[in-house]
PDB file of N, CA and C in Angstrom:
ATOM      1  N   MET A   1     -51.547   4.477 -12.861  1.00  0.00           N
ATOM      2  CA  MET A   1     -51.587   3.554 -13.873  1.00  0.00           C
ATOM      3  C   MET A   1     -50.458   3.197 -13.500  1.00  0.00           C
ATOM      4  N   LYS A   2     -49.797   4.208 -13.545  1.00  0.00           N
ATOM      5  CA  LYS A   2     -47.882   3.395 -12.802  1.00  0.00           C
ATOM      6  C   LYS A   2     -47.848   2.923 -11.667  1.00  0.00           C
ATOM      7  N   LYS A   3     -48.518   3.343 -10.734  1.00  0.00           N
ATOM      8  CA  LYS A   3     -48.921   2.390  -9.798  1.00  0.00           C
ATOM      9  C   LYS A   3     -49.375   1.213  -9.685  1.00  0.00           C
ATOM     10  N   MET A   4     -51.171   1.044 -10.538  1.00  0.00           N
ATOM     11  CA  MET A   4     -51.192   0.052 -11.032  1.00  0.00           C
ATOM     12  C   MET A   4     -50.962  -1.140 -12.107  1.00  0.00           C
ATOM     13  N   ILE A   5     -50.076  -0.828 -12.326  1.00  0.00           N
ATOM     14  CA  ILE A   5     -49.079  -1.706 -13.206  1.00  0.00           C
ATOM     15  C   ILE A   5     -47.963  -2.006 -12.299  1.00  0.00           C
ATOM     16  N   ALA A   6     -47.574  -1.281 -10.744  1.00  0.00           N
ATOM     17  CA  ALA A   6     -47.020  -1.964 -10.349  1.00  0.00           C
ATOM     18  C   ALA A   6     -47.529  -2.878  -9.301  1.00  0.00           C
ATOM     19  N   LEU A   7     -48.456  -2.227  -8.725  1.00  0.00           N
ATOM     20  CA  LEU A   7     -49.600  -3.477  -8.232  1.00  0.00           C
ATOM     21  C   LEU A   7     -49.146  -5.059  -8.697  1.00  0.00           C
ATOM     22  N   VAL A   8     -50.113  -3.954  -9.610  1.00  0.00           N
ATOM     23  CA  VAL A   8     -50.178  -6.296 -10.910  1.00  0.00           C
ATOM     24  C   VAL A   8     -48.645  -6.875 -10.942  1.00  0.00           C
ATOM     25  N   CYS A   9     -47.776  -6.056 -10.933  1.00  0.00           N
ATOM     26  CA  CYS A   9     -46.259  -7.131 -10.984  1.00  0.00           C
ATOM     27  C   CYS A   9     -46.578  -7.395  -9.311  1.00  0.00           C
ATOM     28  N   LEU A  10     -46.464  -6.708  -8.552  1.00  0.00           N
ATOM     29  CA  LEU A  10     -45.574  -7.236  -7.163  1.00  0.00           C
ATOM     30  C   LEU A  10     -46.647  -8.520  -6.619  1.00  0.00           C
ATOM     31  N   GLY A  11     -48.259  -8.080  -7.387  1.00  0.00           N
ATOM     32  CA  GLY A  11     -49.059  -9.204  -6.845  1.00  0.00           C
ATOM     33  C   GLY A  11     -48.741 -10.794  -7.606  1.00  0.00           C
ATOM     34  N   LEU A  12     -48.482 -10.277  -9.234  1.00  0.00           N
ATOM     35  CA  LEU A  12     -47.565 -11.288  -9.688  1.00  0.00           C
ATOM     36  C   LEU A  12     -46.338 -12.569  -9.181  1.00  0.00           C
ATOM     37  N   ALA A  13     -45.580 -11.763  -8.435  1.00  0.00           N
ATOM     38  CA  ALA A  13     -44.111 -12.131  -8.008  1.00  0.00           C
ATOM     39  C   ALA A  13     -44.640 -12.867  -6.888  1.00  0.00           C
ATOM     40  N   THR A  14     -46.289 -12.259  -5.969  1.00  0.00           N
ATOM     41  CA  THR A  14     -45.787 -13.288  -4.705  1.00  0.00           C
ATOM     42  C   THR A  14     -46.484 -14.421  -5.333  1.00  0.00           C
ATOM     43  N   ALA A  15     -47.651 -14.195  -6.180  1.00  0.00           N
ATOM     44  CA  ALA A  15     -48.262 -15.596  -6.149  1.00  0.00           C
ATOM     45  C   ALA A  15     -47.246 -16.371  -7.164  1.00  0.00           C
ATOM     46  N   VAL A  16     -46.437 -16.250  -7.939  1.00  0.00           N
ATOM     47  CA  VAL A  16     -46.110 -16.985  -8.638  1.00  0.00           C
ATOM     48  C   VAL A  16     -44.721 -17.129  -7.806  1.00  0.00           C
ATOM     49  N   SER A  17     -43.954 -16.894  -6.639  1.00  0.00           N
ATOM     50  CA  SER A  17     -42.880 -17.498  -5.787  1.00  0.00           C
ATOM     51  C   SER A  17     -43.480 -18.471  -4.489  1.00  0.00           C
ATOM     52  N   THR A  18     -43.837 -17.429  -4.136  1.00  0.00           N
ATOM     53  CA  THR A  18     -44.717 -18.194  -2.505  1.00  0.00           C
ATOM     54  C   THR A  18     -45.160 -20.266  -3.206  1.00  0.00           C
ATOM     55  N   PRO A  19     -46.171 -19.867  -4.196  1.00  0.00           N
ATOM     56  CA  PRO A  19     -45.609 -21.992  -4.471  1.00  0.00           C
ATOM     57  C   PRO A  19     -44.487 -22.683  -4.003  1.00  0.00           C
ATOM     58  N   ALA A  20     -43.950 -21.925  -4.971  1.00  0.00           N
ATOM     59  CA  ALA A  20     -42.262 -22.755  -5.146  1.00  0.00           C
ATOM     60  C   ALA A  20     -42.830 -22.894  -3.124  1.00  0.00           C
ATOM     61  N   PHE A  21     -41.865 -21.593  -2.344  1.00  0.00           N
ATOM     62  CA  PHE A  21     -41.287 -21.663  -0.852  1.00  0.00           C
ATOM     63  C   PHE A  21     -42.220 -23.030  -0.416  1.00  0.00           C
ATOM     64  N   ALA A  22     -43.752 -23.232  -0.531  1.00  0.00           N
ATOM     65  CA  ALA A  22     -44.879 -23.989   0.079  1.00  0.00           C
ATOM     66  C   ALA A  22     -44.121 -25.271  -0.448  1.00  0.00           C
ATOM     67  N   GLY A  23     -43.400 -25.270  -1.576  1.00  0.00           N
ATOM     68  CA  GLY A  23     -43.635 -26.948  -1.630  1.00  0.00           C
ATOM     69  C   GLY A  23     -42.049 -27.840  -1.016  1.00  0.00           C
ATOM     70  N   ALA A  24     -40.752 -26.723  -0.905  1.00  0.00           N
ATOM     71  CA  ALA A  24     -39.790 -27.615  -0.008  1.00  0.00           C
ATOM     72  C   ALA A  24     -40.621 -27.940   1.126  1.00  0.00           C
ATOM     73  N   GLN A  25     -41.542 -26.668   2.049  1.00  0.00           N
ATOM     74  CA  GLN A  25     -41.982 -27.361   2.705  1.00  0.00           C
ATOM     75  C   GLN A  25     -43.305 -28.850   3.291  1.00  0.00           C
ATOM     76  N   GLN A  26     -43.694 -28.515   2.092  1.00  0.00           N
ATOM     77  CA  GLN A  26     -44.308 -29.638   1.679  1.00  0.00           C
ATOM     78  C   GLN A  26     -44.155 -30.869   1.554  1.00  0.00           C
ATOM     79  N   GLU A  27     -42.857 -30.916   1.520  1.00  0.00           N
ATOM     80  CA  GLU A  27     -42.798 -31.962   1.050  1.00  0.00           C
ATOM     81  C   GLU A  27     -41.586 -32.223   2.289  1.00  0.00           C
ATOM     82  N   LYS A  28     -41.592 -31.480   3.133  1.00  0.00           N
ATOM     83  CA  LYS A  28     -40.649 -32.292   4.202  1.00  0.00           C
ATOM     84  C   LYS A  28     -41.705 -32.172   5.429  1.00  0.00           C
ATOM     85  N   MET A  29     -42.707 -32.103   5.291  1.00  0.00           N
ATOM     86  CA  MET A  29     -43.484 -32.175   5.551  1.00  0.00           C
ATOM     87  C   MET A  29     -44.259 -33.527   5.184  1.00  0.00           C
ATOM     88  N   LYS A  30     -44.247 -33.989   3.840  1.00  0.00           N
ATOM     89  CA  LYS A  30     -45.206 -35.767   3.853  1.00  0.00           C
ATOM     90  C   LYS A  30     -44.164 -36.332   4.450  1.00  0.00           C
ATOM     91  N   ALA A  31     -42.319 -36.155   4.560  1.00  0.00           N
ATOM     92  CA  ALA A  31     -41.014 -36.964   4.900  1.00  0.00           C
ATOM     93  C   ALA A  31     -41.154 -37.182   6.072  1.00  0.00           C
ATOM     94  N   CYS A  32     -41.214 -36.070   6.910  1.00  0.00           N
ATOM     95  CA  CYS A  32     -41.440 -36.475   8.042  1.00  0.00           C
ATOM     96  C   CYS A  32     -42.764 -36.881   9.039  1.00  0.00           C
ATOM     97  N   ASN A  33     -43.639 -36.875   7.923  1.00  0.00           N
ATOM     98  CA  ASN A  33     -45.723 -37.853   8.353  1.00  0.00           C
ATOM     99  C   ASN A  33     -45.128 -38.829   8.399  1.00  0.00           C
ATOM    100  N   VAL A  34     -43.904 -39.715   7.233  1.00  0.00           N
ATOM    101  CA  VAL A  34     -43.058 -41.064   6.974  1.00  0.00           C
ATOM    102  C   VAL A  34     -43.063 -41.482   7.730  1.00  0.00           C
ATOM    103  N   GLU A  35     -41.985 -41.166   8.228  1.00  0.00           N
ATOM    104  CA  GLU A  35     -40.660 -41.310   9.357  1.00  0.00           C
ATOM    105  C   GLU A  35     -42.034 -41.406  10.603  1.00  0.00           C
ATOM    106  N   ALA A  36     -42.770 -40.409  11.123  1.00  0.00           N
ATOM    107  CA  ALA A  36     -43.758 -40.492  12.747  1.00  0.00           C
ATOM    108  C   ALA A  36     -44.493 -41.425  12.792  1.00  0.00           C
ATOM    109  N   LYS A  37     -44.429 -42.041  10.842  1.00  0.00           N
ATOM    110  CA  LYS A  37     -46.125 -43.883  11.070  1.00  0.00           C
ATOM    111  C   LYS A  37     -45.285 -44.471  12.238  1.00  0.00           C
ATOM    112  N   GLY A  38     -47.044 -45.065  12.896  1.00  0.00           N
ATOM    113  CA  GLY A  38     -47.193 -44.769  14.228  1.00  0.00           C
ATOM    114  C   GLY A  38     -46.912 -45.012  15.690  1.00  0.00           C
ATOM    115  N   MET A  39     -46.102 -43.194  15.355  1.00  0.00           N
ATOM    116  CA  MET A  39     -46.166 -42.329  16.294  1.00  0.00           C
ATOM    117  C   MET A  39     -47.390 -41.832  17.283  1.00  0.00           C
ATOM    118  N   LYS A  40     -47.558 -41.977  18.458  1.00  0.00           N
ATOM    119  CA  LYS A  40     -49.440 -40.969  18.850  1.00  0.00           C
ATOM    120  C   LYS A  40     -49.010 -40.204  19.488  1.00  0.00           C
ATOM    121  N   GLY A  41     -50.134 -38.954  20.030  1.00  0.00           N
ATOM    122  CA  GLY A  41     -49.200 -38.159  21.351  1.00  0.00           C
ATOM    123  C   GLY A  41     -48.525 -36.925  21.289  1.00  0.00           C
ATOM    124  N   GLN A  42     -48.301 -37.227  21.917  1.00  0.00           N
ATOM    125  CA  GLN A  42     -47.188 -35.712  23.064  1.00  0.00           C
ATOM    126  C   GLN A  42     -45.688 -37.041  21.948  1.00  0.00           C
ATOM    127  N   GLU A  43     -45.379 -37.742  21.850  1.00  0.00           N
ATOM    128  CA  GLU A  43     -44.271 -38.369  21.331  1.00  0.00           C
ATOM    129  C   GLU A  43     -44.313 -37.617  19.626  1.00  0.00           C
ATOM    130  N   ARG A  44     -44.781 -37.890  19.341  1.00  0.00           N
ATOM    131  CA  ARG A  44     -45.590 -37.603  17.561  1.00  0.00           C
ATOM    132  C   ARG A  44     -45.761 -35.946  17.859  1.00  0.00           C
ATOM    133  N   LYS A  45     -45.952 -35.512  18.023  1.00  0.00           N
ATOM    134  CA  LYS A  45     -46.131 -33.590  18.699  1.00  0.00           C
ATOM    135  C   LYS A  45     -44.709 -33.642  19.001  1.00  0.00           C
ATOM    136  N   ASP A  46     -43.519 -33.904  19.281  1.00  0.00           N
ATOM    137  CA  ASP A  46     -42.712 -33.334  19.703  1.00  0.00           C
ATOM    138  C   ASP A  46     -41.664 -34.149  18.396  1.00  0.00           C
ATOM    139  N   PHE A  47     -41.765 -35.312  17.608  1.00  0.00           N
ATOM    140  CA  PHE A  47     -40.696 -35.744  16.305  1.00  0.00           C
ATOM    141  C   PHE A  47     -40.918 -34.448  15.867  1.00  0.00           C
ATOM    142  N   MET A  48     -42.668 -34.251  15.091  1.00  0.00           N
ATOM    143  CA  MET A  48     -42.548 -33.644  13.987  1.00  0.00           C
ATOM    144  C   MET A  48     -42.394 -31.887  14.722  1.00  0.00           C
ATOM    145  N   LYS A  49     -42.220 -31.766  15.468  1.00  0.00           N
ATOM    146  CA  LYS A  49     -41.736 -30.351  16.215  1.00  0.00           C
ATOM    147  C   LYS A  49     -40.620 -30.274  15.361  1.00  0.00           C
ATOM    148  N   LYS A  50     -38.738 -31.458  16.179  1.00  0.00           N
ATOM    149  CA  LYS A  50     -38.091 -31.991  16.335  1.00  0.00           C
ATOM    150  C   LYS A  50     -37.111 -31.931  14.332  1.00  0.00           C
ATOM    151  N   CYS A  51     -38.647 -32.429  13.941  1.00  0.00           N
ATOM    152  CA  CYS A  51     -38.294 -32.679  12.291  1.00  0.00           C
ATOM    153  C   CYS A  51     -38.681 -32.008  11.612  1.00  0.00           C
ATOM    154  N   LEU A  52     -39.192 -31.050  11.394  1.00  0.00           N
ATOM    155  CA  LEU A  52     -39.319 -29.750  10.691  1.00  0.00           C
ATOM    156  C   LEU A  52     -38.779 -28.973  10.810  1.00  0.00           C
ATOM    157  N   LYS A  53     -37.124 -28.717  11.947  1.00  0.00           N
ATOM    158  CA  LYS A  53     -36.601 -28.080  11.824  1.00  0.00           C
ATOM    159  C   LYS A  53     -35.944 -27.602  10.491  1.00  0.00           C
ATOM    160  N   LYS A  54     -35.164 -26.971  10.521  1.00  0.00           N
ATOM    161  CA  LYS A  54     -34.243 -26.925   9.456  1.00  0.00           C
ATOM    162  C   LYS A  54     -32.508 -27.366   9.506  1.00  0.00           C
ATOM    163  N   ASP A  55     -32.516 -27.502  10.856  1.00  0.00           N
ATOM    164  CA  ASP A  55     -30.987 -29.290  10.509  1.00  0.00           C
ATOM    165  C   ASP A  55     -31.285 -29.388  10.856  1.00  0.00           C
ATOM    166  N   TYR A  56     -32.270 -30.826  10.606  1.00  0.00           N
ATOM    167  CA  TYR A  56     -32.967 -31.816  10.966  1.00  0.00           C
ATOM    168  C   TYR A  56     -32.589 -32.256   9.764  1.00  0.00           C
ATOM    169  N   VAL A  57     -31.794 -33.476   9.960  1.00  0.00           N
ATOM    170  CA  VAL A  57     -31.812 -34.777   8.281  1.00  0.00           C
ATOM    171  C   VAL A  57     -32.254 -35.177   8.571  1.00  0.00           C
ATOM    172  N   LEU A  58     -33.001 -36.149   7.720  1.00  0.00           N
ATOM    173  CA  LEU A  58     -34.346 -36.571   7.127  1.00  0.00           C
ATOM    174  C   LEU A  58     -33.193 -38.308   7.014  1.00  0.00           C
ATOM    175  N   LYS A  59     -34.118 -39.081   8.147  1.00  0.00           N
ATOM    176  CA  LYS A  59     -33.270 -40.786   7.418  1.00  0.00           C
ATOM    177  C   LYS A  59     -33.475 -40.634   6.145  1.00  0.00           C
ATOM    178  N   SER A  60     -34.942 -40.172   5.304  1.00  0.00           N
ATOM    179  CA  SER A  60     -34.839 -41.082   3.699  1.00  0.00           C
ATOM    180  C   SER A  60     -33.136 -40.183   2.708  1.00  0.00           C
ATOM    181  N   ALA A  61     -33.359 -38.633   3.380  1.00  0.00           N
ATOM    182  CA  ALA A  61     -32.323 -38.040   2.997  1.00  0.00           C
ATOM    183  C   ALA A  61     -31.118 -38.449   3.054  1.00  0.00           C
ATOM    184  N   ALA A  62     -30.409 -38.739   4.479  1.00  0.00           N
ATOM    185  CA  ALA A  62     -29.304 -39.330   4.643  1.00  0.00           C
ATOM    186  C   ALA A  62     -29.087 -41.011   3.707  1.00  0.00           C
ATOM    187  N   ALA A  63     -29.927 -41.723   3.945  1.00  0.00           N
ATOM    188  CA  ALA A  63     -29.672 -42.677   3.081  1.00  0.00           C
ATOM    189  C   ALA A  63     -29.578 -42.481   1.296  1.00  0.00           C
ATOM    190  N   LYS A  64     -30.389 -41.291   0.892  1.00  0.00           N
ATOM    191  CA  LYS A  64     -29.851 -40.949  -0.552  1.00  0.00           C
ATOM    192  C   LYS A  64     -28.635 -40.857  -0.727  1.00  0.00           C
ATOM    193  N   THR A  65     -28.130 -39.731   0.454  1.00  0.00           N
ATOM    194  CA  THR A  65     -26.627 -40.063  -0.089  1.00  0.00           C
ATOM    195  C   THR A  65     -25.471 -40.507   0.308  1.00  0.00           C
ATOM    196  N   GLU A  66     -25.620 -41.338   1.109  1.00  0.00           N
ATOM    197  CA  GLU A  66     -24.349 -42.596   1.322  1.00  0.00           C
ATOM    198  C   GLU A  66     -24.201 -43.205  -0.343  1.00  0.00           C
ATOM    199  N   PRO A  67     -23.123 -43.229   0.056  1.00  0.00           N
ATOM    200  CA  PRO A  67     -22.516 -43.807  -1.386  1.00  0.00           C
ATOM    201  C   PRO A  67     -22.903 -45.273  -2.092  1.00  0.00           C
ATOM    202  N   ALA A  68     -22.793 -45.477  -3.261  1.00  0.00           N
ATOM    203  CA  ALA A  68     -22.894 -46.945  -3.586  1.00  0.00           C
ATOM    204  C   ALA A  68     -22.243 -48.174  -2.859  1.00  0.00           C
ATOM    205  N   ALA A  69     -22.010 -49.127  -2.606  1.00  0.00           N
ATOM    206  CA  ALA A  69     -21.924 -50.323  -1.802  1.00  0.00           C
ATOM    207  C   ALA A  69     -20.178 -50.953  -2.534  1.00  0.00           C
ATOM    208  N   LYS A  70     -21.763 -51.487  -3.317  1.00  0.00           N
ATOM    209  CA  LYS A  70     -20.559 -51.457  -5.163  1.00  0.00           C
ATOM    210  C   LYS A  70     -20.192 -51.124  -6.294  1.00  0.00           C
ATOM    211  N   PRO A  71     -19.121 -50.562  -6.955  1.00  0.00           N
ATOM    212  CA  PRO A  71     -19.376 -50.270  -8.342  1.00  0.00           C
ATOM    213  C   PRO A  71     -20.036 -50.931  -9.680  1.00  0.00           C
ATOM    214  N   SER A  72     -20.341 -51.455  -9.921  1.00  0.00           N
ATOM    215  CA  SER A  72     -21.050 -52.247 -11.335  1.00  0.00           C
ATOM    216  C   SER A  72     -19.308 -52.226 -12.098  1.00  0.00           C
ATOM    217  N   GLN A  73     -19.669 -53.868 -12.048  1.00  0.00           N
ATOM    218  CA  GLN A  73     -18.811 -54.258 -14.165  1.00  0.00           C
ATOM    219  C   GLN A  73     -18.048 -53.287 -14.598  1.00  0.00           C
ATOM    220  N   LYS A  74     -19.036 -52.590 -15.269  1.00  0.00           N
ATOM    221  CA  LYS A  74     -18.016 -51.746 -16.139  1.00  0.00           C
ATOM    222  C   LYS A  74     -17.815 -50.535 -15.098  1.00  0.00           C
ATOM    223  N   GLU A  75     -18.091 -49.518 -14.299  1.00  0.00           N
ATOM    224  CA  GLU A  75     -17.280 -49.465 -13.860  1.00  0.00           C
ATOM    225  C   GLU A  75     -16.030 -49.363 -13.274  1.00  0.00           C
ATOM    226  N   LYS A  76     -16.181 -50.438 -13.087  1.00  0.00           N
ATOM    227  CA  LYS A  76     -14.460 -51.518 -12.063  1.00  0.00           C
ATOM    228  C   LYS A  76     -14.074 -51.136 -13.785  1.00  0.00           C
ATOM    229  N   MET A  77     -14.271 -51.727 -14.794  1.00  0.00           N
ATOM    230  CA  MET A  77     -13.539 -51.950 -16.363  1.00  0.00           C
ATOM    231  C   MET A  77     -12.176 -51.106 -16.175  1.00  0.00           C
ATOM    232  N   LYS A  78     -13.817 -49.771 -16.295  1.00  0.00           N
ATOM    233  CA  LYS A  78     -13.507 -47.937 -16.589  1.00  0.00           C
ATOM    234  C   LYS A  78     -11.960 -47.659 -15.972  1.00  0.00           C
ATOM    235  N   SER A  79     -11.988 -47.867 -14.667  1.00  0.00           N
ATOM    236  CA  SER A  79     -11.290 -47.301 -13.723  1.00  0.00           C
ATOM    237  C   SER A  79     -10.200 -48.043 -13.715  1.00  0.00           C
ATOM    238  N   CYS A  80     -10.475 -50.410 -13.311  1.00  0.00           N
ATOM    239  CA  CYS A  80      -9.063 -51.170 -14.032  1.00  0.00           C
ATOM    240  C   CYS A  80      -8.125 -50.517 -14.979  1.00  0.00           C
ATOM    241  N   ASN A  81      -9.341 -49.650 -15.934  1.00  0.00           N
ATOM    242  CA  ASN A  81      -7.804 -49.815 -17.509  1.00  0.00           C
ATOM    243  C   ASN A  81      -8.167 -48.293 -17.639  1.00  0.00           C
ATOM    244  N   ALA A  82      -8.263 -46.858 -16.760  1.00  0.00           N
ATOM    245  CA  ALA A  82      -8.067 -45.299 -16.765  1.00  0.00           C
ATOM    246  C   ALA A  82      -5.893 -45.843 -16.119  1.00  0.00           C
ATOM    247  N   GLU A  83      -6.221 -46.585 -14.689  1.00  0.00           N
ATOM    248  CA  GLU A  83      -5.096 -46.926 -13.801  1.00  0.00           C
ATOM    249  C   GLU A  83      -3.798 -47.488 -14.781  1.00  0.00           C
ATOM    250  N   ALA A  84      -4.405 -49.145 -15.494  1.00  0.00           N
ATOM    251  CA  ALA A  84      -2.844 -48.988 -16.510  1.00  0.00           C
ATOM    252  C   ALA A  84      -2.602 -48.727 -17.500  1.00  0.00           C
ATOM    253  N   LYS A  85      -3.313 -48.167 -18.528  1.00  0.00           N
ATOM    254  CA  LYS A  85      -2.925 -47.092 -18.533  1.00  0.00           C
ATOM    255  C   LYS A  85      -2.162 -46.328 -18.466  1.00  0.00           C
ATOM    256  N   SER A  86      -2.365 -45.354 -17.200  1.00  0.00           N
ATOM    257  CA  SER A  86      -1.044 -44.192 -16.460  1.00  0.00           C
ATOM    258  C   SER A  86      -0.054 -45.782 -16.144  1.00  0.00           C
ATOM    259  N   LYS A  87       0.068 -46.269 -15.298  1.00  0.00           N
ATOM    260  CA  LYS A  87       0.603 -46.636 -14.786  1.00  0.00           C
ATOM    261  C   LYS A  87       1.350 -47.034 -16.278  1.00  0.00           C
ATOM    262  N   LYS A  88       1.005 -47.777 -17.771  1.00  0.00           N
ATOM    263  CA  LYS A  88       1.856 -47.721 -18.744  1.00  0.00           C
ATOM    264  C   LYS A  88       1.670 -49.044 -18.540  1.00  0.00           C
ATOM    265  N   LEU A  89       1.275 -50.099 -18.865  1.00  0.00           N
ATOM    266  CA  LEU A  89       1.297 -52.150 -18.245  1.00  0.00           C
ATOM    267  C   LEU A  89       1.195 -52.330 -20.065  1.00  0.00           C
ATOM    268  N   LYS A  90       1.502 -53.434 -19.881  1.00  0.00           N
ATOM    269  CA  LYS A  90       1.537 -53.869 -20.934  1.00  0.00           C
ATOM    270  C   LYS A  90       2.286 -55.740 -20.632  1.00  0.00           C
ATOM    271  N   GLY A  91       1.471 -57.095 -21.915  1.00  0.00           N
ATOM    272  CA  GLY A  91       1.145 -57.985 -21.773  1.00  0.00           C
ATOM    273  C   GLY A  91       0.878 -58.098 -20.330  1.00  0.00           C
ATOM    274  N   ASP A  92       1.920 -58.819 -20.360  1.00  0.00           N
ATOM    275  CA  ASP A  92       1.042 -60.496 -18.607  1.00  0.00           C
ATOM    276  C   ASP A  92       1.417 -59.345 -17.642  1.00  0.00           C
ATOM    277  N   ASP A  93       1.685 -57.983 -17.143  1.00  0.00           N
ATOM    278  CA  ASP A  93       1.525 -57.403 -16.173  1.00  0.00           C
ATOM    279  C   ASP A  93       0.427 -56.685 -16.514  1.00  0.00           C
ATOM    280  N   ARG A  94       0.228 -56.382 -17.544  1.00  0.00           N
ATOM    281  CA  ARG A  94      -1.011 -55.679 -17.424  1.00  0.00           C
ATOM    282  C   ARG A  94      -2.637 -56.521 -17.043  1.00  0.00           C
ATOM    283  N   LYS A  95      -2.425 -58.135 -17.701  1.00  0.00           N
ATOM    284  CA  LYS A  95      -3.285 -59.068 -17.347  1.00  0.00           C
ATOM    285  C   LYS A  95      -3.802 -59.305 -16.495  1.00  0.00           C
ATOM    286  N   LYS A  96      -1.745 -59.661 -15.307  1.00  0.00           N
ATOM    287  CA  LYS A  96      -1.640 -60.023 -14.015  1.00  0.00           C
ATOM    288  C   LYS A  96      -2.415 -58.401 -12.634  1.00  0.00           C
ATOM    289  N   PHE A  97      -2.434 -57.288 -13.524  1.00  0.00           N
ATOM    290  CA  PHE A  97      -3.068 -56.680 -13.074  1.00  0.00           C
ATOM    291  C   PHE A  97      -4.640 -55.990 -12.618  1.00  0.00           C
ATOM    292  N   MET A  98      -4.801 -56.535 -14.079  1.00  0.00           N
ATOM    293  CA  MET A  98      -6.217 -56.370 -14.668  1.00  0.00           C
ATOM    294  C   MET A  98      -7.327 -57.221 -13.875  1.00  0.00           C
ATOM    295  N   SER A  99      -6.472 -58.630 -13.461  1.00  0.00           N
ATOM    296  CA  SER A  99      -6.564 -59.562 -13.343  1.00  0.00           C
ATOM    297  C   SER A  99      -7.225 -59.220 -11.748  1.00  0.00           C
ATOM    298  N   SER A 100      -6.579 -58.615 -11.053  1.00  0.00           N
ATOM    299  CA  SER A 100      -5.924 -58.671  -9.134  1.00  0.00           C
ATOM    300  C   SER A 100      -7.342 -57.222  -9.230  1.00  0.00           C
ATOM    301  N   CYS A 101      -6.832 -55.606 -10.015  1.00  0.00           N
ATOM    302  CA  CYS A 101      -7.793 -54.971 -10.309  1.00  0.00           C
ATOM    303  C   CYS A 101      -9.573 -55.274  -9.916  1.00  0.00           C
ATOM    304  N   LEU A 102      -9.856 -56.216 -11.641  1.00  0.00           N
ATOM    305  CA  LEU A 102     -11.602 -56.710 -11.059  1.00  0.00           C
ATOM    306  C   LEU A 102     -11.802 -57.438 -10.366  1.00  0.00           C
ATOM    307  N   LYS A 103     -10.834 -58.423  -9.184  1.00  0.00           N
ATOM    308  CA  LYS A 103     -11.135 -58.690  -8.424  1.00  0.00           C
ATOM    309  C   LYS A 103     -11.646 -57.958  -6.892  1.00  0.00           C
ATOM    310  N   GLY A 104     -10.445 -57.486  -6.859  1.00  0.00           N
ATOM    311  CA  GLY A 104     -10.613 -56.058  -5.489  1.00  0.00           C
ATOM    312  C   GLY A 104     -11.077 -54.870  -5.220  1.00  0.00           C
TER     313      GLY A 104
END
């Protein structure tokens, strides 16, 4: 009976974990297929082989990791206010600083 319970638990653990590991590989396969669009024959085979390796960085993944080109106005305002506060600026000095900070 104990052996049966152990086998059931082992089978359940394997059944649950396998799709989780397969999911990442399937996602990478989908992304590689998108990048390989338009390729045919040996060129496609070579690309897919290279793309599915662990150390290959997908173009779509690289694009996601690049920082945003410019911050929003709200983000600029927060950072400029924080900097002006840390510099303890007041009055005209603060206005001049805020104006230049928000422009550039």
